[in-house]
Amino acid sequence: MTTPTTNETRHFALADVEIRAKTDDQEGRATGYAAVFNSDSYDLGGFVERIAPSAFAASLRAVAAGETNVYALWAHKDDQPLGSTASGKLTLSEDAHGLAFSMDTTRMNPMQLDALRDGDLRMSFGFRVREDSWRELDDGTIERTLIAVELFEVSFVISPAYPATEAAMRSLETWRAAKVEETVEEEKPEAVNDNMRSELMKRALTRRLIK
């Protein structure tokens, strides 16, 4: 399913974070996962969401080709860049678990590093949906799967929210409308069924007898 290309953001708990301190011969680095595949979000206001493996593949190919630059930010503030893929301070990759990152922490101040070390931060990423799918599970839960996204930034954030966005809700309403239309089409008889045919024949015979 193709959806609007409005920007969206999603927040995740940071997974498998490691922080390497700066030394005389190497810069400090933070590593971990910015997003995890096949893991359901909590309720986003009528649906849950998960990320399919390889959802970031096209973005990472564009990064490798030098066609795009993904930034690492603090709380989505573009005036506080912590690094980028073009500068080499941020590297991103996909594996079976999710979207892995490794970032030079030179631009992080001591308070930010301390919050990261203490586990007080979450990771958020900004993206545009290129392909998604919707389905209703057996228990009635509506699930959205992000199949392909255009990634443009990852951010360290404090907010615990994982909000839906207007773009996501529009996509949900489009899916619902299509589902209703599909149901209506399935319920339309392609031809008069046997019961109706019999009833029509009876009415026709009755009219003839009356005449």
Protein backbone atom coordinates (compact mmCIF):
# COMPACT_ATOMS: atom_id res chain seq x y z
CA MET A 1 0.00 0.00 0.00
CA THR A 2 1.34 3.44 -0.89
CA THR A 3 0.84 6.14 1.71
CA PRO A 4 1.38 9.92 1.93
CA THR A 5 5.01 10.99 2.22
CA THR A 6 4.42 13.26 5.21
CA ASN A 7 7.20 13.07 7.80
CA GLU A 8 6.63 10.78 10.77
CA THR A 9 8.65 10.01 13.89
CA ARG A 10 8.69 6.94 16.10
CA HIS A 11 10.24 6.42 19.54
CA PHE A 12 11.83 3.21 20.75
CA ALA A 13 13.58 2.08 23.88
CA LEU A 14 17.29 2.02 23.18
CA ALA A 15 18.46 -1.57 22.83
CA ASP A 16 21.89 -3.06 23.50
CA VAL A 17 23.51 0.33 24.10
CA GLU A 18 27.23 0.43 24.72
CA ILE A 19 29.30 3.54 25.34
CA ARG A 20 33.02 3.55 24.77
CA ALA A 21 34.87 6.32 26.56
CA LYS A 22 37.16 8.66 24.69
CA THR A 23 40.86 7.89 25.06
CA ASP A 24 44.02 9.48 23.77
CA ASP A 25 44.04 7.28 20.68
CA GLN A 26 40.33 6.93 19.89
CA GLU A 27 37.11 8.91 20.02
CA GLY A 28 34.26 7.90 22.28
CA ARG A 29 31.40 6.05 20.59
CA ALA A 30 27.85 4.98 21.43
CA THR A 31 26.41 1.89 19.76
CA GLY A 32 23.05 0.17 19.86
CA TYR A 33 19.81 -0.21 17.96
CA ALA A 34 17.68 2.71 16.84
CA ALA A 35 14.77 0.42 15.89
CA VAL A 36 13.92 -3.25 16.32
CA PHE A 37 12.21 -5.39 13.69
CA ASN A 38 9.01 -7.40 14.21
CA SER A 39 8.29 -5.83 17.58
CA ASP A 40 4.80 -4.46 18.19
CA SER A 41 4.43 -0.93 19.48
CA TYR A 42 1.82 -0.22 22.11
CA ASP A 43 -1.54 1.16 21.02
CA LEU A 44 -1.06 4.23 18.84
CA GLY A 45 -4.66 5.31 18.95
CA GLY A 46 -6.50 2.50 17.23
CA PHE A 47 -3.65 0.41 15.89
CA VAL A 48 -0.25 -1.08 16.69
CA GLU A 49 2.78 -0.86 14.45
CA ARG A 50 5.79 -2.99 13.64
CA ILE A 51 8.78 -2.63 11.34
CA ALA A 52 9.51 -5.30 8.77
CA PRO A 53 13.09 -6.52 8.23
CA SER A 54 14.87 -4.54 5.48
CA ALA A 55 12.52 -1.57 5.91
CA PHE A 56 15.57 0.73 5.91
CA ALA A 57 17.45 -1.07 3.13
CA ALA A 58 16.80 1.49 0.38
CA SER A 59 17.82 4.36 2.65
CA LEU A 60 21.04 2.62 3.59
CA ARG A 61 21.84 2.00 -0.07
CA ALA A 62 21.29 5.71 -0.75
CA VAL A 63 23.62 6.56 2.14
CA ALA A 64 26.30 4.20 0.83
CA ALA A 65 26.02 5.78 -2.64
CA GLY A 66 26.34 9.28 -1.20
CA GLU A 67 22.86 10.18 -2.42
CA THR A 68 21.49 11.10 1.01
CA ASN A 69 22.74 12.17 4.42
CA VAL A 70 21.14 10.87 7.62
CA TYR A 71 21.67 13.01 10.72
CA ALA A 72 21.94 12.15 14.38
CA LEU A 73 20.14 14.83 16.41
CA TRP A 74 19.27 15.70 19.97
CA ALA A 75 15.45 15.69 20.41
CA HIS A 76 14.89 16.21 16.67
CA LYS A 77 16.50 19.66 16.82
CA ASP A 78 18.29 20.28 13.55
CA ASP A 79 20.32 23.07 15.15
CA GLN A 80 21.99 20.49 17.41
CA PRO A 81 23.50 17.89 15.05
CA LEU A 82 25.46 15.23 16.86
CA GLY A 83 26.78 13.67 13.68
CA SER A 84 25.81 12.45 10.24
CA THR A 85 26.49 9.61 7.86
CA ALA A 86 28.21 12.01 5.44
CA SER A 87 30.64 13.20 8.12
CA GLY A 88 31.35 9.65 9.23
CA LYS A 89 30.37 10.42 12.83
CA LEU A 90 27.25 8.27 12.37
CA THR A 91 27.13 4.82 10.80
CA LEU A 92 23.98 2.80 10.27
CA SER A 93 23.38 -0.80 9.28
CA GLU A 94 20.65 -3.42 9.27
CA ASP A 95 20.86 -6.93 10.64
CA ALA A 96 18.27 -9.52 11.62
CA HIS A 97 17.52 -7.65 14.85
CA GLY A 98 16.97 -4.12 13.58
CA LEU A 99 18.58 -0.82 12.62
CA ALA A 100 21.98 -0.61 14.31
CA PHE A 101 23.84 2.63 14.88
CA SER A 102 27.32 3.64 15.91
CA MET A 103 27.96 7.29 16.69
CA ASP A 104 30.93 9.39 17.63
CA THR A 105 29.99 11.04 20.95
CA THR A 106 32.38 14.00 20.62
CA ARG A 107 29.51 16.48 20.23
CA MET A 108 27.48 15.13 23.16
CA ASN A 109 27.86 17.12 26.35
CA PRO A 110 28.54 15.39 29.71
CA MET A 111 24.89 15.61 30.80
CA GLN A 112 23.67 13.96 27.58
CA LEU A 113 26.27 11.23 27.85
CA ASP A 114 25.37 10.62 31.49
CA ALA A 115 21.66 10.36 30.61
CA LEU A 116 22.50 7.90 27.84
CA ARG A 117 24.69 5.87 30.16
CA ASP A 118 21.96 5.76 32.84
CA GLY A 119 19.34 4.52 30.40
CA ASP A 120 17.21 7.67 30.63
CA LEU A 121 17.06 8.22 26.86
CA ARG A 122 15.06 6.70 24.06
CA MET A 123 15.86 6.58 20.39
CA SER A 124 13.57 8.14 17.81
CA PHE A 125 13.83 8.18 14.06
CA GLY A 126 12.31 10.46 11.46
CA PHE A 127 11.06 8.92 8.24
CA ARG A 128 8.66 9.01 5.34
CA VAL A 129 6.68 5.90 4.49
CA ARG A 130 7.28 4.43 1.06
CA GLU A 131 5.30 1.23 1.57
CA ASP A 132 3.18 -0.13 4.38
CA SER A 133 0.44 -2.71 4.91
CA TRP A 134 -2.53 -3.03 7.24
CA ARG A 135 -4.40 -6.04 8.57
CA GLU A 136 -6.88 -6.93 11.28
CA LEU A 137 -5.74 -9.69 13.64
CA ASP A 138 -8.00 -12.41 15.03
CA ASP A 139 -8.45 -10.50 18.30
CA GLY A 140 -9.60 -7.40 16.44
CA THR A 141 -6.31 -5.53 16.75
CA ILE A 142 -5.38 -3.48 13.69
CA GLU A 143 -1.71 -3.82 12.79
CA ARG A 144 0.33 -1.60 10.51
CA THR A 145 3.62 -2.90 9.13
CA LEU A 146 6.24 -0.50 7.82
CA ILE A 147 7.67 -2.32 4.81
CA ALA A 148 9.88 0.42 3.33
CA VAL A 149 10.71 3.84 4.75
CA GLU A 150 12.89 6.76 3.77
CA LEU A 151 15.07 7.51 6.79
CA PHE A 152 16.37 11.04 7.29
CA GLU A 153 17.35 11.33 10.97
CA VAL A 154 17.78 9.51 14.26
CA SER A 155 17.44 11.34 17.55
CA PHE A 156 18.14 10.80 21.21
CA VAL A 157 14.99 11.81 23.12
CA ILE A 158 13.58 11.75 26.63
CA SER A 159 9.85 11.57 25.83
CA PRO A 160 8.42 8.08 26.44
CA ALA A 161 5.68 8.59 23.86
CA TYR A 162 5.34 6.62 20.67
CA PRO A 163 2.74 8.81 18.98
CA ALA A 164 0.77 8.15 15.86
CA THR A 165 0.82 10.96 13.33
CA GLU A 166 -1.68 12.55 10.99
CA ALA A 167 -0.03 10.69 8.10
CA ALA A 168 -0.44 7.35 9.87
CA MET A 169 -4.08 8.05 10.68
CA ARG A 170 -4.77 9.02 7.06
CA SER A 171 -3.20 5.76 5.95
CA LEU A 172 -5.38 3.87 8.45
CA GLU A 173 -8.55 5.58 7.21
CA THR A 174 -7.59 4.82 3.59
CA TRP A 175 -7.19 1.14 4.49
CA ARG A 176 -10.49 1.10 6.36
CA ALA A 177 -12.30 2.68 3.43
CA ALA A 178 -10.77 0.15 1.02
CA LYS A 179 -11.75 -2.69 3.34
CA VAL A 180 -15.36 -1.48 3.52
CA GLU A 181 -15.49 -1.17 -0.27
CA GLU A 182 -14.04 -4.66 -0.66
CA THR A 183 -16.62 -6.08 1.76
CA VAL A 184 -19.45 -4.39 -0.13
CA GLU A 185 -18.17 -5.76 -3.42
CA GLU A 186 -17.96 -9.27 -1.96
CA GLU A 187 -21.53 -9.05 -0.73
CA LYS A 188 -22.92 -7.95 -4.11
CA PRO A 189 -24.51 -10.97 -5.84
CA GLU A 190 -23.10 -11.50 -9.31
CA ALA A 191 -26.41 -13.03 -10.31
CA VAL A 192 -29.80 -13.54 -8.69
CA ASN A 193 -29.42 -16.43 -6.27
CA ASP A 194 -31.60 -19.54 -6.39
CA ASN A 195 -33.98 -18.36 -3.69
CA MET A 196 -34.58 -15.06 -5.41
CA ARG A 197 -34.99 -16.78 -8.76
CA SER A 198 -37.61 -19.11 -7.29
CA GLU A 199 -39.42 -16.22 -5.68
CA LEU A 200 -39.52 -14.28 -8.95
CA MET A 201 -40.85 -17.32 -10.79
CA LYS A 202 -43.61 -17.76 -8.20
CA ARG A 203 -44.60 -14.12 -8.55
CA ALA A 204 -44.68 -14.39 -12.32
CA LEU A 205 -46.85 -17.53 -12.19
CA THR A 206 -49.18 -15.89 -9.69
CA ARG A 207 -49.63 -12.89 -11.93
CA ARG A 208 -50.46 -15.20 -14.87
CA LEU A 209 -53.01 -17.17 -12.84
CA ILE A 210 -54.66 -13.97 -11.68
CA LYS A 211 -54.99 -12.81 -15.25
